[in-house]
Amino acid sequence: MEYRQPSAVMARWSMILGIIAIVTSPCILPAVVLGALAIILGLLSRGGQLKLPTPAITGVITGVLGIISGASCFIAGYTMLIEQYGSYENFMNEYMKLMGY
């Protein structure tokens, strides 16, 4: 059997994307997308080996943390919106009034 060699480039990009996912977690969508890409690249970088390279492990961990922090920012923001306005519909009504619609 022929196994693929581990990819150092994919492992490095996994780590970079995971770090960017953590940094962009208040923006929610980039954090989730980049975190998912970091996890995918980290797992694919191992090739046919059983063990992940160190940057890939870092990329997978930071990717998961980026997704979790992005989701927690979304939940915190939605919770504050509900506490302030009572419901999403009340928020949208207030927003429409503010915009002059």
N, C-alpha and C. Protein backbone atom coordinates (compact mmCIF):
# COMPACT_ATOMS: atom_id res chain seq x y z
N MET A 1 0.83 -1.19 0.00
CA MET A 1 0.00 0.00 0.00
C MET A 1 0.87 1.25 0.00
N GLU A 2 0.37 2.24 -0.69
CA GLU A 2 1.09 3.49 -0.76
C GLU A 2 0.32 4.54 0.03
N TYR A 3 0.99 5.18 0.99
CA TYR A 3 0.35 6.19 1.82
C TYR A 3 0.80 7.58 1.38
N ARG A 4 -0.10 8.53 1.55
CA ARG A 4 0.27 9.91 1.27
C ARG A 4 1.15 10.44 2.39
N GLN A 5 2.05 11.33 2.04
CA GLN A 5 2.91 11.96 3.03
C GLN A 5 2.14 13.08 3.73
N PRO A 6 2.48 13.34 4.99
CA PRO A 6 1.83 14.46 5.68
C PRO A 6 2.17 15.78 4.97
N SER A 7 1.24 16.68 4.95
CA SER A 7 1.43 17.95 4.28
C SER A 7 1.71 19.04 5.31
N ALA A 8 2.93 19.56 5.31
CA ALA A 8 3.30 20.62 6.24
C ALA A 8 2.60 21.92 5.88
N VAL A 9 2.35 22.14 4.59
CA VAL A 9 1.68 23.37 4.16
C VAL A 9 0.24 23.40 4.66
N MET A 10 -0.47 22.29 4.52
CA MET A 10 -1.86 22.24 5.01
C MET A 10 -1.89 22.39 6.52
N ALA A 11 -0.94 21.78 7.21
CA ALA A 11 -0.90 21.90 8.67
C ALA A 11 -0.67 23.35 9.08
N ARG A 12 0.23 24.02 8.38
CA ARG A 12 0.52 25.43 8.69
C ARG A 12 -0.70 26.31 8.42
N TRP A 13 -1.36 26.07 7.28
CA TRP A 13 -2.56 26.86 6.97
C TRP A 13 -3.69 26.56 7.96
N SER A 14 -3.76 25.35 8.43
CA SER A 14 -4.75 25.00 9.44
C SER A 14 -4.52 25.83 10.70
N MET A 15 -3.28 25.93 11.11
CA MET A 15 -2.94 26.71 12.30
C MET A 15 -3.26 28.19 12.07
N ILE A 16 -2.89 28.73 10.92
CA ILE A 16 -3.14 30.14 10.62
C ILE A 16 -4.63 30.44 10.59
N LEU A 17 -5.41 29.59 9.91
CA LEU A 17 -6.85 29.82 9.84
C LEU A 17 -7.52 29.68 11.20
N GLY A 18 -7.02 28.76 12.04
CA GLY A 18 -7.56 28.62 13.39
C GLY A 18 -7.32 29.86 14.23
N ILE A 19 -6.14 30.42 14.12
CA ILE A 19 -5.83 31.65 14.87
C ILE A 19 -6.70 32.80 14.38
N ILE A 20 -6.86 32.91 13.06
CA ILE A 20 -7.71 33.97 12.52
C ILE A 20 -9.16 33.76 12.94
N ALA A 21 -9.60 32.51 13.05
CA ALA A 21 -10.97 32.22 13.50
C ALA A 21 -11.19 32.72 14.92
N ILE A 22 -10.20 32.54 15.78
CA ILE A 22 -10.34 33.02 17.15
C ILE A 22 -10.38 34.54 17.17
N VAL A 23 -9.52 35.17 16.40
CA VAL A 23 -9.46 36.64 16.37
C VAL A 23 -10.76 37.24 15.83
N THR A 24 -11.36 36.60 14.84
CA THR A 24 -12.58 37.14 14.23
C THR A 24 -13.86 36.61 14.87
N SER A 25 -13.78 36.03 16.04
CA SER A 25 -14.97 35.44 16.66
C SER A 25 -16.10 36.44 16.91
N PRO A 26 -15.85 37.72 17.19
CA PRO A 26 -16.99 38.64 17.31
C PRO A 26 -17.74 38.83 16.00
N CYS A 27 -17.15 38.51 14.87
CA CYS A 27 -17.82 38.66 13.57
C CYS A 27 -18.63 37.41 13.20
N ILE A 28 -18.65 36.41 14.01
CA ILE A 28 -19.43 35.17 13.96
C ILE A 28 -19.22 34.37 12.67
N LEU A 29 -19.68 34.85 11.52
CA LEU A 29 -19.60 34.05 10.29
C LEU A 29 -18.17 33.72 9.88
N PRO A 30 -17.25 34.70 9.83
CA PRO A 30 -15.87 34.31 9.49
C PRO A 30 -15.26 33.34 10.49
N ALA A 31 -15.62 33.48 11.75
CA ALA A 31 -15.07 32.59 12.77
C ALA A 31 -15.51 31.15 12.53
N VAL A 32 -16.77 30.96 12.20
CA VAL A 32 -17.29 29.61 11.97
C VAL A 32 -16.71 29.01 10.68
N VAL A 33 -16.67 29.80 9.62
CA VAL A 33 -16.16 29.30 8.34
C VAL A 33 -14.67 28.99 8.45
N LEU A 34 -13.90 29.93 8.98
CA LEU A 34 -12.45 29.71 9.09
C LEU A 34 -12.12 28.61 10.09
N GLY A 35 -12.90 28.49 11.15
CA GLY A 35 -12.69 27.41 12.10
C GLY A 35 -12.94 26.05 11.47
N ALA A 36 -14.00 25.97 10.67
CA ALA A 36 -14.29 24.71 9.99
C ALA A 36 -13.18 24.36 8.98
N LEU A 37 -12.71 25.37 8.25
CA LEU A 37 -11.61 25.13 7.31
C LEU A 37 -10.33 24.69 8.03
N ALA A 38 -10.08 25.28 9.19
CA ALA A 38 -8.91 24.91 9.97
C ALA A 38 -8.98 23.44 10.41
N ILE A 39 -10.15 23.02 10.83
CA ILE A 39 -10.33 21.63 11.25
C ILE A 39 -10.14 20.69 10.06
N ILE A 40 -10.76 21.02 8.94
CA ILE A 40 -10.66 20.16 7.75
C ILE A 40 -9.21 20.06 7.27
N LEU A 41 -8.54 21.20 7.14
CA LEU A 41 -7.15 21.18 6.68
C LEU A 41 -6.25 20.46 7.68
N GLY A 42 -6.50 20.65 8.96
CA GLY A 42 -5.70 19.98 9.97
C GLY A 42 -5.83 18.47 9.89
N LEU A 43 -7.04 17.99 9.70
CA LEU A 43 -7.24 16.54 9.62
C LEU A 43 -6.73 15.96 8.29
N LEU A 44 -6.85 16.74 7.22
CA LEU A 44 -6.35 16.26 5.93
C LEU A 44 -4.82 16.29 5.84
N SER A 45 -4.19 17.11 6.66
CA SER A 45 -2.74 17.27 6.56
C SER A 45 -1.97 16.05 7.04
N ARG A 46 -2.61 15.15 7.73
CA ARG A 46 -1.89 13.99 8.25
C ARG A 46 -1.55 12.97 7.18
N GLY A 47 -2.19 13.07 6.03
CA GLY A 47 -1.90 12.13 4.95
C GLY A 47 -2.30 10.73 5.37
N GLY A 48 -1.42 9.78 5.18
CA GLY A 48 -1.70 8.40 5.56
C GLY A 48 -1.18 8.04 6.94
N GLN A 49 -0.62 9.02 7.63
CA GLN A 49 -0.06 8.76 8.96
C GLN A 49 -1.18 8.69 10.01
N LEU A 50 -0.87 8.10 11.13
CA LEU A 50 -1.84 8.02 12.22
C LEU A 50 -1.79 9.26 13.10
N LYS A 51 -0.63 9.90 13.17
CA LYS A 51 -0.44 11.03 14.06
C LYS A 51 -0.47 12.33 13.27
N LEU A 52 -1.14 13.34 13.85
CA LEU A 52 -1.19 14.66 13.23
C LEU A 52 0.11 15.41 13.50
N PRO A 53 0.58 16.20 12.54
CA PRO A 53 1.72 17.07 12.82
C PRO A 53 1.34 18.13 13.87
N THR A 54 2.32 18.66 14.57
CA THR A 54 2.06 19.62 15.64
C THR A 54 1.28 20.85 15.17
N PRO A 55 1.63 21.49 14.04
CA PRO A 55 0.81 22.63 13.60
C PRO A 55 -0.64 22.23 13.28
N ALA A 56 -0.85 21.02 12.83
CA ALA A 56 -2.20 20.56 12.54
C ALA A 56 -3.01 20.39 13.82
N ILE A 57 -2.37 19.89 14.86
CA ILE A 57 -3.05 19.77 16.16
C ILE A 57 -3.45 21.15 16.66
N THR A 58 -2.51 22.10 16.54
CA THR A 58 -2.79 23.47 16.93
C THR A 58 -3.93 24.04 16.09
N GLY A 59 -3.93 23.76 14.79
CA GLY A 59 -4.99 24.25 13.90
C GLY A 59 -6.35 23.68 14.24
N VAL A 60 -6.40 22.40 14.55
CA VAL A 60 -7.67 21.77 14.90
C VAL A 60 -8.20 22.36 16.22
N ILE A 61 -7.32 22.51 17.19
CA ILE A 61 -7.74 23.04 18.49
C ILE A 61 -8.21 24.49 18.36
N THR A 62 -7.43 25.32 17.65
CA THR A 62 -7.84 26.71 17.49
C THR A 62 -9.08 26.84 16.61
N GLY A 63 -9.26 25.93 15.65
CA GLY A 63 -10.47 25.93 14.83
C GLY A 63 -11.71 25.64 15.67
N VAL A 64 -11.61 24.66 16.54
CA VAL A 64 -12.73 24.34 17.43
C VAL A 64 -13.01 25.51 18.37
N LEU A 65 -11.95 26.11 18.92
CA LEU A 65 -12.13 27.26 19.81
C LEU A 65 -12.74 28.45 19.07
N GLY A 66 -12.35 28.64 17.79
CA GLY A 66 -12.94 29.72 16.99
C GLY A 66 -14.42 29.52 16.76
N ILE A 67 -14.82 28.28 16.46
CA ILE A 67 -16.24 27.98 16.26
C ILE A 67 -17.01 28.18 17.56
N ILE A 68 -16.47 27.69 18.66
CA ILE A 68 -17.14 27.83 19.96
C ILE A 68 -17.26 29.29 20.36
N SER A 69 -16.19 30.07 20.18
CA SER A 69 -16.25 31.48 20.58
C SER A 69 -17.17 32.27 19.65
N GLY A 70 -17.21 31.94 18.36
CA GLY A 70 -18.14 32.60 17.46
C GLY A 70 -19.59 32.30 17.83
N ALA A 71 -19.86 31.04 18.15
CA ALA A 71 -21.23 30.66 18.55
C ALA A 71 -21.60 31.32 19.87
N SER A 72 -20.66 31.41 20.81
CA SER A 72 -20.96 32.04 22.09
C SER A 72 -21.18 33.54 21.93
N CYS A 73 -20.47 34.19 20.99
CA CYS A 73 -20.73 35.61 20.70
C CYS A 73 -22.13 35.80 20.13
N PHE A 74 -22.55 34.89 19.26
CA PHE A 74 -23.90 34.96 18.70
C PHE A 74 -24.94 34.80 19.80
N ILE A 75 -24.76 33.82 20.65
CA ILE A 75 -25.72 33.56 21.73
C ILE A 75 -25.78 34.74 22.69
N ALA A 76 -24.61 35.30 23.03
CA ALA A 76 -24.58 36.44 23.94
C ALA A 76 -25.27 37.65 23.31
N GLY A 77 -25.02 37.91 22.03
CA GLY A 77 -25.65 39.03 21.36
C GLY A 77 -27.16 38.87 21.26
N TYR A 78 -27.60 37.67 20.93
CA TYR A 78 -29.04 37.42 20.82
C TYR A 78 -29.71 37.53 22.19
N THR A 79 -29.04 37.04 23.22
CA THR A 79 -29.58 37.13 24.58
C THR A 79 -29.71 38.59 25.01
N MET A 80 -28.71 39.41 24.71
CA MET A 80 -28.80 40.83 25.06
C MET A 80 -29.92 41.53 24.28
N LEU A 81 -30.11 41.15 23.02
CA LEU A 81 -31.18 41.72 22.22
C LEU A 81 -32.54 41.38 22.82
N ILE A 82 -32.72 40.14 23.22
CA ILE A 82 -33.99 39.72 23.82
C ILE A 82 -34.21 40.42 25.17
N GLU A 83 -33.15 40.57 25.96
CA GLU A 83 -33.29 41.26 27.25
C GLU A 83 -33.66 42.73 27.05
N GLN A 84 -33.09 43.36 26.06
CA GLN A 84 -33.32 44.78 25.82
C GLN A 84 -34.70 45.05 25.23
N TYR A 85 -35.13 44.25 24.25
CA TYR A 85 -36.35 44.53 23.51
C TYR A 85 -37.50 43.57 23.78
N GLY A 86 -37.28 42.48 24.47
CA GLY A 86 -38.33 41.54 24.79
C GLY A 86 -38.53 40.46 23.75
N SER A 87 -38.39 40.79 22.48
CA SER A 87 -38.49 39.80 21.40
C SER A 87 -37.80 40.35 20.16
N TYR A 88 -37.57 39.47 19.22
CA TYR A 88 -36.94 39.88 17.98
C TYR A 88 -37.86 40.80 17.18
N GLU A 89 -39.17 40.55 17.25
CA GLU A 89 -40.14 41.39 16.53
C GLU A 89 -40.15 42.80 17.08
N ASN A 90 -40.06 42.95 18.41
CA ASN A 90 -40.00 44.28 19.00
C ASN A 90 -38.73 45.01 18.55
N PHE A 91 -37.64 44.29 18.46
CA PHE A 91 -36.40 44.89 17.98
C PHE A 91 -36.55 45.37 16.55
N MET A 92 -37.14 44.54 15.69
CA MET A 92 -37.32 44.92 14.29
C MET A 92 -38.27 46.11 14.16
N ASN A 93 -39.32 46.18 14.98
CA ASN A 93 -40.23 47.32 14.95
C ASN A 93 -39.50 48.60 15.36
N GLU A 94 -38.69 48.50 16.39
CA GLU A 94 -37.91 49.65 16.85
C GLU A 94 -36.90 50.08 15.78
N TYR A 95 -36.28 49.11 15.14
CA TYR A 95 -35.32 49.40 14.07
C TYR A 95 -36.00 50.09 12.90
N MET A 96 -37.18 49.61 12.52
CA MET A 96 -37.92 50.23 11.41
C MET A 96 -38.32 51.66 11.75
N LYS A 97 -38.73 51.91 13.00
CA LYS A 97 -39.05 53.27 13.41
C LYS A 97 -37.82 54.16 13.33
N LEU A 98 -36.70 53.64 13.76
CA LEU A 98 -35.45 54.40 13.75
C LEU A 98 -35.02 54.74 12.33
N MET A 99 -35.24 53.81 11.40
CA MET A 99 -34.85 54.03 10.02
C MET A 99 -35.87 54.86 9.24
N GLY A 100 -37.03 55.09 9.82
CA GLY A 100 -38.05 55.92 9.17
C GLY A 100 -38.96 55.17 8.22
N TYR A 101 -39.12 53.90 8.39
CA TYR A 101 -40.01 53.11 7.53
C TYR A 101 -41.37 53.02 8.12
